[in-house]
Amino acid sequence: MTQRATRLLHLLDDLRRRRKPVSGAILAERFDVSLRTLYRDIDALRGQGADIAGDPGVGYQLRAGFLLPPMMFSADELEAIVLGMRWVASHADPALAASADAALQRVTGVLPEALRLQVETSGLFAPQWSGGPAEPWLPSLRMAIRDGNAVRIEYSDAQGRASERVIWPFAMAFLADIRLLAAWCEMRGDFRHFRADRMVALENTGQRYPAQRHQLLKRWHAQCVPKRDD
């Protein structure tokens, strides 16, 4: 990647992180270039599809919704993306695995030939998970997390004791041998973790739980006391 291409990548990433317009002078100083060069870089990014609002003397801001073109990724970033997608394809439920395959094909399809060859011949692989068939509840749990819906589950703990409860799922970890759900449990009035392979039945209520997912995540991190129904 050339020096200018690298600078354009960093400039685009800098704009993406900002929530307010930033002046050309600040950006020029940030990247140690002249104002004229900065203006040319902005024009170059716009020519590649970046929706950058603003003008000289006013300030610049990247409009929401712009996706970074895959050809702008560095070699290390591409390897990370490819390895991550391959891991999902080999460890997730069939629906998510198929989406990972499709996403990888989409990224590969828009890469310049040299980068596409680099991706297709990458020596980084994620071996197929040998933990048995994926739990049937994973797609429903992912949808509930995405939509912020409460779910009703029948759960069996490590001693085989059954319980029925309503939970608010907000995160799921794909560990080496288990899929662990983090949720607020209405019955316990606290955060709990549930193994997907110990769920006997699951029903998405279709009702949004009364908290925001990011708020639950923040409280969960702050509490920092692992609790697990096992």
Protein backbone atom coordinates (compact mmCIF):
# COMPACT_ATOMS: atom_id res chain seq x y z
CA MET A 1 0.00 0.00 0.00
CA THR A 2 1.46 3.38 -1.00
CA GLN A 3 2.10 6.17 1.47
CA ARG A 4 -0.82 8.20 0.06
CA ALA A 5 -3.19 5.23 0.12
CA THR A 6 -2.28 4.64 3.75
CA ARG A 7 -2.89 8.31 4.56
CA LEU A 8 -6.27 8.23 2.82
CA LEU A 9 -7.23 5.17 4.84
CA HIS A 10 -6.26 6.85 8.11
CA LEU A 11 -7.99 10.09 7.11
CA LEU A 12 -11.20 8.23 6.35
CA ASP A 13 -10.99 6.37 9.64
CA ASP A 14 -10.36 9.65 11.50
CA LEU A 15 -13.45 11.22 9.91
CA ARG A 16 -15.51 8.13 10.70
CA ARG A 17 -14.72 8.47 14.40
CA ARG A 18 -15.72 12.12 14.67
CA ARG A 19 -19.25 13.19 15.58
CA LYS A 20 -18.82 16.87 14.64
CA PRO A 21 -17.34 18.66 11.61
CA VAL A 22 -13.58 19.17 11.79
CA SER A 23 -11.64 21.91 10.02
CA GLY A 24 -9.25 21.23 7.20
CA ALA A 25 -6.47 22.94 9.16
CA ILE A 26 -6.83 20.48 12.06
CA LEU A 27 -6.81 17.52 9.70
CA ALA A 28 -3.81 18.87 7.78
CA GLU A 29 -1.88 19.24 11.03
CA ARG A 30 -3.03 15.81 12.20
CA PHE A 31 -1.59 14.13 9.08
CA ASP A 32 1.35 16.50 8.62
CA VAL A 33 0.34 17.67 5.14
CA SER A 34 -0.42 21.04 3.58
CA LEU A 35 -3.97 22.34 3.35
CA ARG A 36 -3.82 21.94 -0.43
CA THR A 37 -2.86 18.28 -0.05
CA LEU A 38 -5.63 17.79 2.51
CA TYR A 39 -8.21 19.23 0.10
CA ARG A 40 -6.95 16.90 -2.63
CA ASP A 41 -7.23 13.94 -0.26
CA ILE A 42 -10.82 14.89 0.59
CA ASP A 43 -11.63 15.08 -3.14
CA ALA A 44 -9.97 11.69 -3.69
CA LEU A 45 -12.07 10.08 -0.96
CA ARG A 46 -15.22 11.62 -2.38
CA GLY A 47 -14.26 10.21 -5.76
CA GLN A 48 -14.12 6.74 -4.19
CA GLY A 49 -17.65 7.12 -2.83
CA ALA A 50 -17.11 8.61 0.62
CA ASP A 51 -20.02 10.93 1.44
CA ILE A 52 -18.05 13.75 3.07
CA ALA A 53 -19.99 16.93 3.76
CA GLY A 54 -18.34 20.33 4.08
CA ASP A 55 -16.08 22.79 2.31
CA PRO A 56 -12.83 24.68 2.94
CA GLY A 57 -13.30 27.05 5.84
CA VAL A 58 -16.45 25.23 7.01
CA GLY A 59 -15.17 21.86 8.14
CA TYR A 60 -15.66 18.27 7.06
CA GLN A 61 -17.79 15.40 8.35
CA LEU A 62 -18.34 11.88 7.06
CA ARG A 63 -22.06 11.25 6.74
CA ALA A 64 -23.48 8.25 8.59
CA GLY A 65 -23.97 5.04 6.66
CA PHE A 66 -20.77 5.05 4.61
CA LEU A 67 -19.07 1.66 4.48
CA LEU A 68 -15.31 1.50 4.08
CA PRO A 69 -14.45 0.03 0.66
CA PRO A 70 -12.73 -3.37 1.09
CA MET A 71 -9.86 -2.29 -1.19
CA MET A 72 -8.98 0.32 1.43
CA PHE A 73 -8.16 -2.32 4.06
CA SER A 74 -4.54 -3.06 4.89
CA ALA A 75 -3.10 -6.57 4.44
CA ASP A 76 -3.32 -7.26 8.18
CA GLU A 77 -6.91 -6.00 8.32
CA LEU A 78 -7.90 -8.21 5.39
CA GLU A 79 -6.33 -11.25 7.05
CA ALA A 80 -8.24 -10.49 10.25
CA ILE A 81 -11.51 -10.17 8.32
CA VAL A 82 -10.94 -13.39 6.38
CA LEU A 83 -9.96 -15.37 9.48
CA GLY A 84 -12.95 -14.01 11.40
CA MET A 85 -15.38 -14.93 8.63
CA ARG A 86 -13.85 -18.39 8.31
CA TRP A 87 -14.18 -18.90 12.06
CA VAL A 88 -17.85 -17.93 11.99
CA ALA A 89 -18.44 -20.17 8.98
CA SER A 90 -17.01 -23.16 10.87
CA HIS A 91 -18.32 -22.45 14.39
CA ALA A 92 -21.71 -20.72 14.14
CA ASP A 93 -25.19 -22.03 13.43
CA PRO A 94 -25.92 -22.84 9.74
CA ALA A 95 -27.73 -19.54 9.04
CA LEU A 96 -24.92 -17.38 10.43
CA ALA A 97 -22.29 -19.60 8.80
CA ALA A 98 -23.96 -19.14 5.41
CA SER A 99 -24.03 -15.37 5.96
CA ALA A 100 -20.30 -15.41 6.77
CA ASP A 101 -19.59 -17.29 3.54
CA ALA A 102 -21.72 -14.83 1.57
CA ALA A 103 -20.02 -11.83 3.19
CA LEU A 104 -16.58 -13.24 2.41
CA GLN A 105 -17.57 -13.77 -1.21
CA ARG A 106 -18.87 -10.20 -1.37
CA VAL A 107 -15.62 -8.79 0.00
CA THR A 108 -13.57 -10.96 -2.33
CA GLY A 109 -15.67 -9.96 -5.31
CA VAL A 110 -14.85 -6.25 -5.06
CA LEU A 111 -11.13 -6.58 -4.29
CA PRO A 112 -8.45 -5.72 -6.83
CA GLU A 113 -6.97 -8.85 -8.39
CA ALA A 114 -3.78 -8.84 -6.30
CA LEU A 115 -5.68 -8.53 -3.02
CA ARG A 116 -8.29 -11.07 -4.11
CA LEU A 117 -5.52 -13.61 -4.78
CA GLN A 118 -4.05 -12.80 -1.37
CA VAL A 119 -7.40 -13.54 0.30
CA GLU A 120 -8.13 -16.68 -1.70
CA THR A 121 -4.70 -18.15 -0.94
CA SER A 122 -4.57 -17.05 2.67
CA GLY A 123 -2.98 -19.66 4.92
CA LEU A 124 -5.10 -18.69 7.92
CA PHE A 125 -7.86 -21.20 8.67
CA ALA A 126 -10.37 -21.95 11.41
CA PRO A 127 -10.79 -25.73 11.83
CA GLN A 128 -14.31 -27.09 11.86
CA TRP A 129 -15.79 -27.07 15.33
CA SER A 130 -16.01 -30.64 16.66
CA GLY A 131 -18.49 -29.93 19.42
CA GLY A 132 -21.38 -31.62 17.64
CA PRO A 133 -24.38 -30.13 15.85
CA ALA A 134 -25.24 -26.50 16.53
CA GLU A 135 -27.92 -25.86 19.12
CA PRO A 136 -31.26 -25.24 17.36
CA TRP A 137 -31.90 -22.15 19.52
CA LEU A 138 -28.99 -20.07 18.22
CA PRO A 139 -30.80 -18.28 15.35
CA SER A 140 -33.72 -17.41 17.64
CA LEU A 141 -31.37 -16.19 20.36
CA ARG A 142 -29.42 -14.05 17.91
CA MET A 143 -32.65 -12.51 16.64
CA ALA A 144 -33.85 -11.83 20.19
CA ILE A 145 -30.55 -10.11 21.03
CA ARG A 146 -30.71 -8.05 17.83
CA ASP A 147 -34.33 -6.99 18.39
CA GLY A 148 -34.11 -6.59 22.18
CA ASN A 149 -36.92 -9.08 22.79
CA ALA A 150 -37.61 -11.09 25.92
CA VAL A 151 -37.63 -14.87 25.51
CA ARG A 152 -39.29 -17.62 27.54
CA ILE A 153 -37.09 -20.65 28.08
CA GLU A 154 -37.19 -24.06 29.68
CA TYR A 155 -33.75 -24.72 31.10
CA SER A 156 -32.01 -27.71 32.61
CA ASP A 157 -29.00 -27.08 34.87
CA ALA A 158 -25.97 -29.33 35.40
CA GLN A 159 -27.89 -31.43 37.94
CA GLY A 160 -30.78 -31.90 35.53
CA ARG A 161 -33.10 -29.59 37.48
CA ALA A 162 -35.63 -27.97 35.15
CA SER A 163 -36.93 -24.42 35.36
CA GLU A 164 -39.02 -22.09 33.24
CA ARG A 165 -38.21 -18.40 33.15
CA VAL A 166 -38.35 -15.21 31.10
CA ILE A 167 -35.00 -13.65 30.28
CA TRP A 168 -33.70 -10.56 28.45
CA PRO A 169 -30.82 -11.75 26.24
CA PHE A 170 -28.26 -9.09 25.32
CA ALA A 171 -25.02 -10.94 24.48
CA MET A 172 -23.79 -14.37 23.45
CA ALA A 173 -20.25 -15.78 23.56
CA PHE A 174 -19.11 -18.45 21.12
CA LEU A 175 -16.61 -20.26 23.33
CA ALA A 176 -14.48 -23.22 22.32
CA ASP A 177 -17.00 -25.88 23.29
CA ILE A 178 -20.16 -24.06 24.41
CA ARG A 179 -22.35 -21.14 23.43
CA LEU A 180 -22.96 -18.97 26.49
CA LEU A 181 -25.84 -16.49 26.69
CA ALA A 182 -25.75 -13.42 28.94
CA ALA A 183 -29.19 -12.23 30.01
CA TRP A 184 -31.21 -10.52 32.69
CA CYS A 185 -33.34 -13.14 34.43
CA GLU A 186 -36.75 -11.93 35.60
CA MET A 187 -37.06 -14.83 38.04
CA ARG A 188 -33.73 -14.09 39.76
CA GLY A 189 -33.87 -10.31 39.29
CA ASP A 190 -30.22 -10.35 38.26
CA PHE A 191 -27.80 -11.15 35.46
CA ARG A 192 -27.35 -14.82 34.64
CA HIS A 193 -25.51 -16.90 32.04
CA PHE A 194 -27.15 -19.80 30.24
CA ARG A 195 -25.65 -22.54 28.11
CA ALA A 196 -27.48 -22.88 24.82
CA ASP A 197 -27.06 -26.67 24.86
CA ARG A 198 -29.01 -26.88 28.15
CA MET A 199 -32.09 -25.12 26.82
CA VAL A 200 -34.97 -27.55 26.47
CA ALA A 201 -37.37 -25.11 24.79
CA LEU A 202 -37.35 -21.48 23.75
CA GLU A 203 -40.03 -19.02 22.69
CA ASN A 204 -39.37 -15.50 21.44
CA THR A 205 -42.17 -13.46 23.03
CA GLY A 206 -41.91 -10.77 20.35
CA GLN A 207 -42.06 -8.19 23.15
CA ARG A 208 -39.19 -5.75 23.66
CA TYR A 209 -37.79 -5.82 27.15
CA PRO A 210 -37.93 -2.49 29.03
CA ALA A 211 -34.16 -1.82 29.01
CA GLN A 212 -31.78 -0.84 26.22
CA ARG A 213 -29.24 -3.49 25.23
CA HIS A 214 -26.30 -1.10 25.61
CA GLN A 215 -27.50 -0.23 29.12
CA LEU A 216 -27.64 -3.89 30.09
CA LEU A 217 -24.15 -4.42 28.67
CA LYS A 218 -22.82 -1.46 30.65
CA ARG A 219 -24.39 -2.67 33.90
CA TRP A 220 -23.18 -6.20 33.24
CA HIS A 221 -19.60 -5.06 32.72
CA ALA A 222 -19.74 -2.81 35.78
CA GLN A 223 -21.07 -5.57 37.99
CA CYS A 224 -18.28 -7.86 36.83
CA VAL A 225 -19.39 -10.80 38.97
CA PRO A 226 -19.71 -13.97 36.87
CA LYS A 227 -22.91 -15.81 37.68
CA ARG A 228 -23.86 -18.97 35.87
CA ASP A 229 -26.84 -21.32 36.08
CA ASP A 230 -25.03 -24.62 35.70
